[in-house]
């Protein structure tokens, strides 16, 4: 979703969506995912270059993180991305269920930029940014991007 109406998304609805998303599974139920909600979306989205042309119309921006303190050892080195990704998807589904539009925004930044952004956004050193999510109310009419999906035989491997 890259079209948003000017109507703000109430913070109570953001809270409802996060509460719903807390049902997402996490390794050993450690619940390391965190969400930073920016009431002025551009305060966060200015750090993410993939929202040009629509980010300024978002009502809110969410920064989904994972607290590395919830994980232990090298064997769990990727678990923050797994747990954080499932949690972020649950947030998106919950916001859609409440009638709002979202656009997930990747966070693939170099270390120096990542540290600078986390500092500016008030995110502790113990957390990694999983993604940002632009959130907004839906306009009456909008265009929807349609991407052809792979045939099921190209995705499902039956053994």
N, C-alpha and C. Protein backbone atom coordinates (compact mmCIF):
# COMPACT_ATOMS: atom_id res chain seq x y z
N UNK A 1 0.85 -1.17 0.00
CA UNK A 1 0.00 0.00 0.00
C UNK A 1 0.89 1.23 0.00
N UNK A 2 0.67 2.08 -0.98
CA UNK A 2 1.46 3.31 -1.06
C UNK A 2 0.58 4.54 -1.20
N UNK A 3 -0.71 4.36 -0.91
CA UNK A 3 -1.67 5.47 -0.96
C UNK A 3 -2.34 5.57 0.40
N UNK A 4 -2.25 6.73 0.99
CA UNK A 4 -2.86 6.95 2.30
C UNK A 4 -3.70 8.21 2.26
N UNK A 5 -4.80 8.21 3.01
CA UNK A 5 -5.62 9.41 3.14
C UNK A 5 -5.03 10.27 4.26
N UNK A 6 -5.45 11.53 4.33
CA UNK A 6 -4.91 12.41 5.39
C UNK A 6 -5.43 12.07 6.80
N UNK A 7 -6.44 11.23 6.91
CA UNK A 7 -7.01 10.89 8.22
C UNK A 7 -5.98 10.15 9.08
N UNK A 8 -5.70 10.63 10.29
CA UNK A 8 -4.69 9.97 11.13
C UNK A 8 -5.15 8.60 11.64
N UNK A 9 -4.20 7.74 11.88
CA UNK A 9 -4.47 6.44 12.49
C UNK A 9 -4.41 6.65 14.01
N UNK A 10 -5.52 6.39 14.71
CA UNK A 10 -5.51 6.59 16.16
C UNK A 10 -4.49 5.69 16.86
N UNK A 11 -3.80 6.23 17.84
CA UNK A 11 -2.81 5.46 18.59
C UNK A 11 -3.44 4.26 19.28
N UNK A 12 -4.71 4.37 19.66
CA UNK A 12 -5.38 3.22 20.28
C UNK A 12 -5.45 2.04 19.31
N UNK A 13 -5.62 2.32 18.02
CA UNK A 13 -5.66 1.25 17.03
C UNK A 13 -4.27 0.66 16.80
N UNK A 14 -3.24 1.47 16.89
CA UNK A 14 -1.87 0.94 16.82
C UNK A 14 -1.65 -0.01 18.01
N UNK A 15 -2.09 0.41 19.18
CA UNK A 15 -1.96 -0.43 20.38
C UNK A 15 -2.71 -1.76 20.21
N UNK A 16 -3.93 -1.70 19.65
CA UNK A 16 -4.71 -2.92 19.41
C UNK A 16 -3.96 -3.87 18.48
N UNK A 17 -3.40 -3.30 17.42
CA UNK A 17 -2.68 -4.13 16.44
C UNK A 17 -1.45 -4.78 17.08
N UNK A 18 -0.71 -4.03 17.88
CA UNK A 18 0.48 -4.58 18.54
C UNK A 18 0.07 -5.67 19.51
N UNK A 19 -1.01 -5.45 20.23
CA UNK A 19 -1.49 -6.47 21.18
C UNK A 19 -1.86 -7.76 20.43
N UNK A 20 -2.53 -7.64 19.29
CA UNK A 20 -2.85 -8.81 18.48
C UNK A 20 -1.58 -9.50 17.99
N UNK A 21 -0.61 -8.71 17.56
CA UNK A 21 0.63 -9.27 17.02
C UNK A 21 1.46 -9.99 18.08
N UNK A 22 1.23 -9.68 19.33
CA UNK A 22 1.99 -10.35 20.40
C UNK A 22 1.69 -11.85 20.48
N UNK A 23 0.72 -12.31 19.72
CA UNK A 23 0.43 -13.75 19.64
C UNK A 23 1.41 -14.47 18.71
N UNK A 24 2.22 -13.72 17.98
CA UNK A 24 3.20 -14.34 17.07
C UNK A 24 4.16 -15.21 17.86
N UNK A 25 4.55 -16.35 17.30
CA UNK A 25 5.49 -17.21 18.02
C UNK A 25 6.88 -16.57 18.11
N UNK A 26 7.61 -16.99 19.14
CA UNK A 26 9.00 -16.56 19.28
C UNK A 26 9.76 -17.73 19.91
N UNK A 27 11.06 -17.76 19.66
CA UNK A 27 11.88 -18.86 20.16
C UNK A 27 11.74 -18.94 21.69
N UNK A 28 11.40 -20.11 22.17
CA UNK A 28 11.23 -20.36 23.61
C UNK A 28 10.33 -19.32 24.28
N UNK A 29 9.44 -18.72 23.50
CA UNK A 29 8.50 -17.70 23.99
C UNK A 29 9.22 -16.53 24.67
N UNK A 30 10.39 -16.16 24.14
CA UNK A 30 11.19 -15.09 24.76
C UNK A 30 10.68 -13.69 24.43
N UNK A 31 9.93 -13.55 23.36
CA UNK A 31 9.27 -12.28 23.01
C UNK A 31 10.24 -11.10 22.93
N UNK A 32 11.25 -11.24 22.08
CA UNK A 32 12.25 -10.19 21.94
C UNK A 32 11.88 -9.05 21.01
N UNK A 33 10.74 -9.14 20.34
CA UNK A 33 10.34 -8.08 19.40
C UNK A 33 9.88 -6.83 20.12
N UNK A 34 10.21 -5.69 19.53
CA UNK A 34 9.80 -4.38 20.05
C UNK A 34 9.29 -3.55 18.89
N UNK A 35 8.45 -2.55 19.21
CA UNK A 35 7.93 -1.64 18.18
C UNK A 35 8.06 -0.21 18.70
N UNK A 36 8.63 0.63 17.87
CA UNK A 36 8.70 2.07 18.16
C UNK A 36 7.72 2.74 17.22
N UNK A 37 6.73 3.44 17.77
CA UNK A 37 5.71 4.10 16.97
C UNK A 37 6.00 5.60 16.91
N UNK A 38 6.19 6.09 15.71
CA UNK A 38 6.46 7.51 15.50
C UNK A 38 5.18 8.19 15.02
N UNK A 39 4.69 9.13 15.85
CA UNK A 39 3.44 9.81 15.53
C UNK A 39 3.60 10.71 14.32
N UNK A 40 4.78 11.25 14.11
CA UNK A 40 5.11 11.93 12.86
C UNK A 40 5.93 10.93 12.06
N UNK A 41 5.31 10.31 11.07
CA UNK A 41 5.94 9.21 10.34
C UNK A 41 7.31 9.58 9.79
N UNK A 42 7.47 10.80 9.30
CA UNK A 42 8.74 11.17 8.66
C UNK A 42 9.90 11.27 9.64
N UNK A 43 9.62 11.36 10.94
CA UNK A 43 10.71 11.34 11.92
C UNK A 43 11.51 10.04 11.79
N UNK A 44 10.82 8.95 11.48
CA UNK A 44 11.50 7.66 11.27
C UNK A 44 11.79 7.41 9.80
N UNK A 45 10.81 7.68 8.94
CA UNK A 45 10.94 7.32 7.53
C UNK A 45 12.03 8.09 6.79
N UNK A 46 12.47 9.22 7.34
CA UNK A 46 13.56 9.95 6.69
C UNK A 46 14.85 9.14 6.70
N UNK A 47 14.92 8.12 7.54
CA UNK A 47 16.10 7.25 7.63
C UNK A 47 16.01 6.07 6.66
N UNK A 48 14.86 5.88 6.01
CA UNK A 48 14.65 4.73 5.14
C UNK A 48 14.41 5.24 3.72
N UNK A 49 15.33 4.98 2.78
CA UNK A 49 15.24 5.59 1.45
C UNK A 49 14.17 4.99 0.53
N UNK A 50 13.53 3.89 0.89
CA UNK A 50 12.58 3.25 0.00
C UNK A 50 11.16 3.77 0.06
N UNK A 51 10.91 4.87 0.76
CA UNK A 51 9.54 5.38 0.89
C UNK A 51 9.32 6.69 0.16
N UNK A 52 10.27 7.07 -0.68
CA UNK A 52 10.13 8.33 -1.41
C UNK A 52 8.89 8.28 -2.30
N UNK A 53 8.15 9.36 -2.29
CA UNK A 53 6.97 9.47 -3.13
C UNK A 53 5.67 9.11 -2.43
N UNK A 54 5.75 8.50 -1.25
CA UNK A 54 4.52 8.16 -0.53
C UNK A 54 4.66 8.24 0.99
N UNK A 55 5.88 8.11 1.50
CA UNK A 55 6.09 8.07 2.95
C UNK A 55 5.59 9.31 3.66
N UNK A 56 5.66 10.45 2.99
CA UNK A 56 5.23 11.69 3.62
C UNK A 56 3.71 11.73 3.82
N UNK A 57 2.98 10.80 3.23
CA UNK A 57 1.53 10.74 3.41
C UNK A 57 1.12 9.71 4.48
N UNK A 58 2.07 8.97 5.01
CA UNK A 58 1.76 8.00 6.06
C UNK A 58 1.41 8.73 7.35
N UNK A 59 0.48 8.18 8.09
CA UNK A 59 0.07 8.77 9.36
C UNK A 59 1.06 8.45 10.47
N UNK A 60 1.54 7.20 10.49
CA UNK A 60 2.47 6.74 11.51
C UNK A 60 3.57 5.92 10.86
N UNK A 61 4.68 5.82 11.54
CA UNK A 61 5.74 4.90 11.13
C UNK A 61 6.07 4.03 12.32
N UNK A 62 6.19 2.74 12.05
CA UNK A 62 6.59 1.79 13.07
C UNK A 62 7.98 1.29 12.74
N UNK A 63 8.81 1.21 13.74
CA UNK A 63 10.13 0.61 13.59
C UNK A 63 10.10 -0.66 14.43
N UNK A 64 10.18 -1.80 13.75
CA UNK A 64 10.15 -3.10 14.43
C UNK A 64 11.59 -3.51 14.68
N UNK A 65 11.88 -3.86 15.92
CA UNK A 65 13.24 -4.28 16.31
C UNK A 65 13.18 -5.62 17.03
N UNK A 66 14.33 -6.17 17.25
CA UNK A 66 14.46 -7.37 18.08
C UNK A 66 15.59 -7.11 19.07
N UNK A 67 15.32 -7.43 20.31
CA UNK A 67 16.31 -7.25 21.37
C UNK A 67 17.22 -8.47 21.40
N UNK A 68 18.48 -8.26 21.09
CA UNK A 68 19.44 -9.36 21.02
C UNK A 68 19.64 -10.05 22.37
N UNK A 69 19.28 -9.38 23.45
CA UNK A 69 19.41 -9.98 24.78
C UNK A 69 18.43 -11.15 24.99
N UNK A 70 17.44 -11.28 24.08
CA UNK A 70 16.48 -12.39 24.17
C UNK A 70 17.04 -13.68 23.58
N UNK A 71 18.21 -13.59 22.96
CA UNK A 71 18.78 -14.75 22.27
C UNK A 71 20.13 -15.10 22.88
N UNK A 72 20.54 -16.37 22.70
CA UNK A 72 21.80 -16.77 23.32
C UNK A 72 22.66 -17.55 22.35
N UNK A 73 23.91 -17.21 22.32
CA UNK A 73 24.91 -17.98 21.59
C UNK A 73 24.84 -17.89 20.07
N UNK A 74 25.89 -18.39 19.46
CA UNK A 74 26.02 -18.35 18.01
C UNK A 74 24.94 -19.16 17.31
N UNK A 75 24.42 -20.18 17.98
CA UNK A 75 23.38 -21.01 17.39
C UNK A 75 22.08 -20.26 17.14
N UNK A 76 21.91 -19.14 17.81
CA UNK A 76 20.70 -18.33 17.63
C UNK A 76 21.00 -17.01 16.92
N UNK A 77 22.10 -16.96 16.19
CA UNK A 77 22.53 -15.70 15.58
C UNK A 77 21.54 -15.13 14.57
N UNK A 78 20.69 -15.97 13.99
CA UNK A 78 19.70 -15.49 13.01
C UNK A 78 18.29 -15.42 13.58
N UNK A 79 18.12 -15.85 14.80
CA UNK A 79 16.78 -15.95 15.37
C UNK A 79 16.09 -14.59 15.48
N UNK A 80 16.84 -13.53 15.70
CA UNK A 80 16.22 -12.20 15.80
C UNK A 80 15.48 -11.85 14.52
N UNK A 81 16.03 -12.24 13.36
CA UNK A 81 15.41 -11.93 12.08
C UNK A 81 14.17 -12.79 11.86
N UNK A 82 14.22 -14.03 12.33
CA UNK A 82 13.07 -14.93 12.19
C UNK A 82 11.93 -14.46 13.08
N UNK A 83 12.22 -14.30 14.37
CA UNK A 83 11.19 -13.85 15.30
C UNK A 83 10.68 -12.46 14.93
N UNK A 84 11.60 -11.56 14.63
CA UNK A 84 11.22 -10.20 14.28
C UNK A 84 10.40 -10.14 13.00
N UNK A 85 10.74 -10.98 12.03
CA UNK A 85 9.99 -11.02 10.78
C UNK A 85 8.57 -11.54 10.97
N UNK A 86 8.43 -12.60 11.76
CA UNK A 86 7.08 -13.13 12.04
C UNK A 86 6.25 -12.10 12.81
N UNK A 87 6.89 -11.43 13.75
CA UNK A 87 6.18 -10.41 14.52
C UNK A 87 5.75 -9.26 13.62
N UNK A 88 6.66 -8.79 12.76
CA UNK A 88 6.34 -7.68 11.87
C UNK A 88 5.17 -8.05 10.94
N UNK A 89 5.19 -9.26 10.41
CA UNK A 89 4.09 -9.70 9.55
C UNK A 89 2.78 -9.74 10.33
N UNK A 90 2.84 -10.15 11.58
CA UNK A 90 1.64 -10.17 12.42
C UNK A 90 1.12 -8.75 12.67
N UNK A 91 2.02 -7.80 12.85
CA UNK A 91 1.61 -6.39 13.01
C UNK A 91 0.91 -5.92 11.74
N UNK A 92 1.47 -6.23 10.58
CA UNK A 92 0.87 -5.83 9.30
C UNK A 92 -0.52 -6.45 9.14
N UNK A 93 -0.64 -7.75 9.40
CA UNK A 93 -1.95 -8.40 9.30
C UNK A 93 -2.94 -7.78 10.27
N UNK A 94 -2.53 -7.48 11.48
CA UNK A 94 -3.43 -6.90 12.47
C UNK A 94 -3.90 -5.50 12.03
N UNK A 95 -2.98 -4.71 11.50
CA UNK A 95 -3.37 -3.37 11.02
C UNK A 95 -4.33 -3.48 9.84
N UNK A 96 -4.08 -4.42 8.94
CA UNK A 96 -5.00 -4.63 7.82
C UNK A 96 -6.37 -5.07 8.33
N UNK A 97 -6.40 -5.95 9.33
CA UNK A 97 -7.66 -6.42 9.89
C UNK A 97 -8.44 -5.27 10.53
N UNK A 98 -7.73 -4.27 11.04
CA UNK A 98 -8.38 -3.10 11.63
C UNK A 98 -8.76 -2.06 10.58
N UNK A 99 -8.43 -2.33 9.31
CA UNK A 99 -8.86 -1.45 8.22
C UNK A 99 -7.85 -0.41 7.77
N UNK A 100 -6.58 -0.59 8.10
CA UNK A 100 -5.55 0.38 7.73
C UNK A 100 -4.63 -0.19 6.65
N UNK A 101 -3.98 0.70 5.94
CA UNK A 101 -3.00 0.30 4.94
C UNK A 101 -1.61 0.36 5.53
N UNK A 102 -0.74 -0.53 5.05
CA UNK A 102 0.65 -0.55 5.50
C UNK A 102 1.57 -0.78 4.33
N UNK A 103 2.79 -0.37 4.48
CA UNK A 103 3.84 -0.69 3.52
C UNK A 103 5.09 -1.10 4.30
N UNK A 104 5.46 -2.39 4.22
CA UNK A 104 6.69 -2.82 4.89
C UNK A 104 7.91 -2.27 4.16
N UNK A 105 8.85 -1.77 4.91
CA UNK A 105 10.03 -1.13 4.34
C UNK A 105 11.30 -1.80 4.87
N UNK A 106 12.07 -2.33 3.95
CA UNK A 106 13.28 -3.08 4.31
C UNK A 106 14.30 -2.20 5.02
N UNK A 107 15.07 -2.85 5.85
CA UNK A 107 16.18 -2.17 6.53
C UNK A 107 17.45 -2.95 6.23
N UNK A 108 18.14 -2.54 5.20
CA UNK A 108 19.40 -3.18 4.81
C UNK A 108 20.46 -2.09 4.71
N UNK A 109 20.91 -1.65 5.85
CA UNK A 109 21.83 -0.52 5.89
C UNK A 109 23.21 -0.96 6.38
N UNK A 110 24.21 -0.22 5.96
CA UNK A 110 25.57 -0.47 6.43
C UNK A 110 25.66 -0.10 7.92
N UNK A 111 26.62 -0.71 8.60
CA UNK A 111 26.77 -0.56 10.04
C UNK A 111 26.80 0.87 10.53
N UNK A 112 27.61 1.73 9.89
CA UNK A 112 27.73 3.12 10.35
C UNK A 112 26.38 3.83 10.28
N UNK A 113 25.67 3.69 9.17
CA UNK A 113 24.37 4.34 8.99
C UNK A 113 23.36 3.76 9.98
N UNK A 114 23.37 2.44 10.17
CA UNK A 114 22.46 1.78 11.09
C UNK A 114 22.65 2.32 12.51
N UNK A 115 23.90 2.43 12.96
CA UNK A 115 24.18 2.95 14.31
C UNK A 115 23.71 4.39 14.45
N UNK A 116 23.95 5.20 13.42
CA UNK A 116 23.54 6.60 13.44
C UNK A 116 22.01 6.72 13.51
N UNK A 117 21.31 5.90 12.72
CA UNK A 117 19.85 5.94 12.72
C UNK A 117 19.29 5.46 14.05
N UNK A 118 19.82 4.35 14.59
CA UNK A 118 19.33 3.84 15.87
C UNK A 118 19.52 4.88 16.97
N UNK A 119 20.66 5.56 16.95
CA UNK A 119 20.91 6.62 17.94
C UNK A 119 19.87 7.74 17.79
N UNK A 120 19.65 8.19 16.56
CA UNK A 120 18.70 9.29 16.32
C UNK A 120 17.26 8.89 16.67
N UNK A 121 16.94 7.62 16.51
CA UNK A 121 15.57 7.15 16.76
C UNK A 121 15.37 6.67 18.20
N UNK A 122 16.43 6.68 19.00
CA UNK A 122 16.32 6.28 20.40
C UNK A 122 16.20 4.78 20.60
N UNK A 123 16.84 4.02 19.72
CA UNK A 123 16.81 2.56 19.80
C UNK A 123 18.10 2.09 20.47
N UNK A 124 18.00 1.31 21.53
CA UNK A 124 19.20 0.88 22.27
C UNK A 124 20.16 0.04 21.42
N UNK A 125 21.41 0.03 21.82
CA UNK A 125 22.44 -0.76 21.13
C UNK A 125 22.13 -2.25 21.13
N UNK A 126 21.36 -2.71 22.09
CA UNK A 126 21.05 -4.14 22.20
C UNK A 126 19.97 -4.60 21.22
N UNK A 127 19.40 -3.67 20.46
CA UNK A 127 18.34 -4.01 19.52
C UNK A 127 18.79 -3.82 18.08
N UNK A 128 18.29 -4.68 17.20
CA UNK A 128 18.53 -4.54 15.77
C UNK A 128 17.21 -4.17 15.09
N UNK A 129 17.31 -3.32 14.08
CA UNK A 129 16.11 -2.95 13.33
C UNK A 129 15.80 -4.07 12.34
N UNK A 130 14.58 -4.57 12.41
CA UNK A 130 14.12 -5.61 11.50
C UNK A 130 13.56 -4.95 10.23
N UNK A 131 12.68 -3.98 10.40
CA UNK A 131 12.08 -3.25 9.29
C UNK A 131 11.33 -2.04 9.82
N UNK A 132 10.92 -1.19 8.89
CA UNK A 132 10.00 -0.11 9.21
C UNK A 132 8.68 -0.41 8.52
N UNK A 133 7.60 0.13 9.05
CA UNK A 133 6.29 -0.05 8.45
C UNK A 133 5.61 1.31 8.39
N UNK A 134 5.28 1.76 7.18
CA UNK A 134 4.48 2.96 7.01
C UNK A 134 3.03 2.56 7.20
N UNK A 135 2.29 3.36 7.99
CA UNK A 135 0.89 3.04 8.31
C UNK A 135 0.03 4.25 8.00
N UNK A 136 -1.13 3.99 7.40
CA UNK A 136 -2.04 5.10 7.12
C UNK A 136 -3.47 4.63 6.93
N UNK A 137 -4.36 5.59 6.97
CA UNK A 137 -5.76 5.32 6.67
C UNK A 137 -5.90 5.15 5.17
N UNK A 138 -6.88 4.36 4.77
CA UNK A 138 -7.09 4.09 3.35
C UNK A 138 -7.92 5.20 2.70
N UNK A 139 -7.52 5.65 1.51
CA UNK A 139 -8.35 6.61 0.78
C UNK A 139 -9.55 5.88 0.16
N UNK A 140 -10.51 6.63 -0.32
CA UNK A 140 -11.70 6.05 -0.96
C UNK A 140 -11.32 5.18 -2.16
N UNK A 141 -10.41 5.67 -2.98
CA UNK A 141 -9.95 4.94 -4.16
C UNK A 141 -8.44 4.97 -4.21
N UNK A 142 -7.84 3.88 -4.70
CA UNK A 142 -6.39 3.82 -4.83
C UNK A 142 -6.00 2.70 -5.77
N UNK A 143 -4.80 2.81 -6.31
CA UNK A 143 -4.25 1.77 -7.17
C UNK A 143 -3.57 0.73 -6.30
N UNK A 144 -3.65 -0.51 -6.71
CA UNK A 144 -3.01 -1.59 -6.00
C UNK A 144 -2.02 -2.27 -6.94
N UNK A 145 -0.79 -2.39 -6.50
CA UNK A 145 0.22 -3.08 -7.30
C UNK A 145 -0.09 -4.57 -7.30
N UNK A 146 0.09 -5.19 -8.45
CA UNK A 146 -0.15 -6.62 -8.56
C UNK A 146 1.09 -7.27 -9.12
N UNK A 147 1.69 -8.15 -8.35
CA UNK A 147 2.86 -8.88 -8.79
C UNK A 147 2.48 -10.33 -9.02
N UNK A 148 2.74 -10.82 -10.21
CA UNK A 148 2.46 -12.22 -10.52
C UNK A 148 3.24 -13.12 -9.57
N UNK A 149 2.59 -14.11 -9.03
CA UNK A 149 3.23 -15.04 -8.12
C UNK A 149 3.70 -16.27 -8.88
N UNK A 150 4.75 -16.89 -8.36
CA UNK A 150 5.25 -18.12 -8.95
C UNK A 150 4.16 -19.19 -8.90
N UNK A 151 4.20 -20.10 -9.87
CA UNK A 151 3.31 -21.24 -9.87
C UNK A 151 3.62 -22.09 -8.64
N UNK A 152 2.60 -22.71 -8.08
CA UNK A 152 2.79 -23.52 -6.87
C UNK A 152 3.88 -24.56 -7.04
N UNK A 153 4.04 -25.10 -8.23
CA UNK A 153 5.08 -26.12 -8.46
C UNK A 153 6.49 -25.53 -8.39
N UNK A 154 6.60 -24.21 -8.49
CA UNK A 154 7.89 -23.56 -8.33
C UNK A 154 8.22 -23.21 -6.90
N UNK A 155 7.26 -23.43 -6.01
CA UNK A 155 7.42 -23.08 -4.60
C UNK A 155 7.38 -24.32 -3.71
N UNK A 156 6.43 -25.21 -3.96
CA UNK A 156 6.23 -26.37 -3.13
C UNK A 156 7.06 -27.55 -3.65
N UNK A 157 7.88 -28.11 -2.77
CA UNK A 157 8.67 -29.30 -3.10
C UNK A 157 8.05 -30.46 -2.33
N UNK A 158 7.47 -31.38 -3.06
CA UNK A 158 6.84 -32.54 -2.43
C UNK A 158 7.81 -33.69 -2.39
N UNK A 159 7.95 -34.32 -1.25
CA UNK A 159 8.87 -35.47 -1.08
C UNK A 159 8.09 -36.69 -0.71
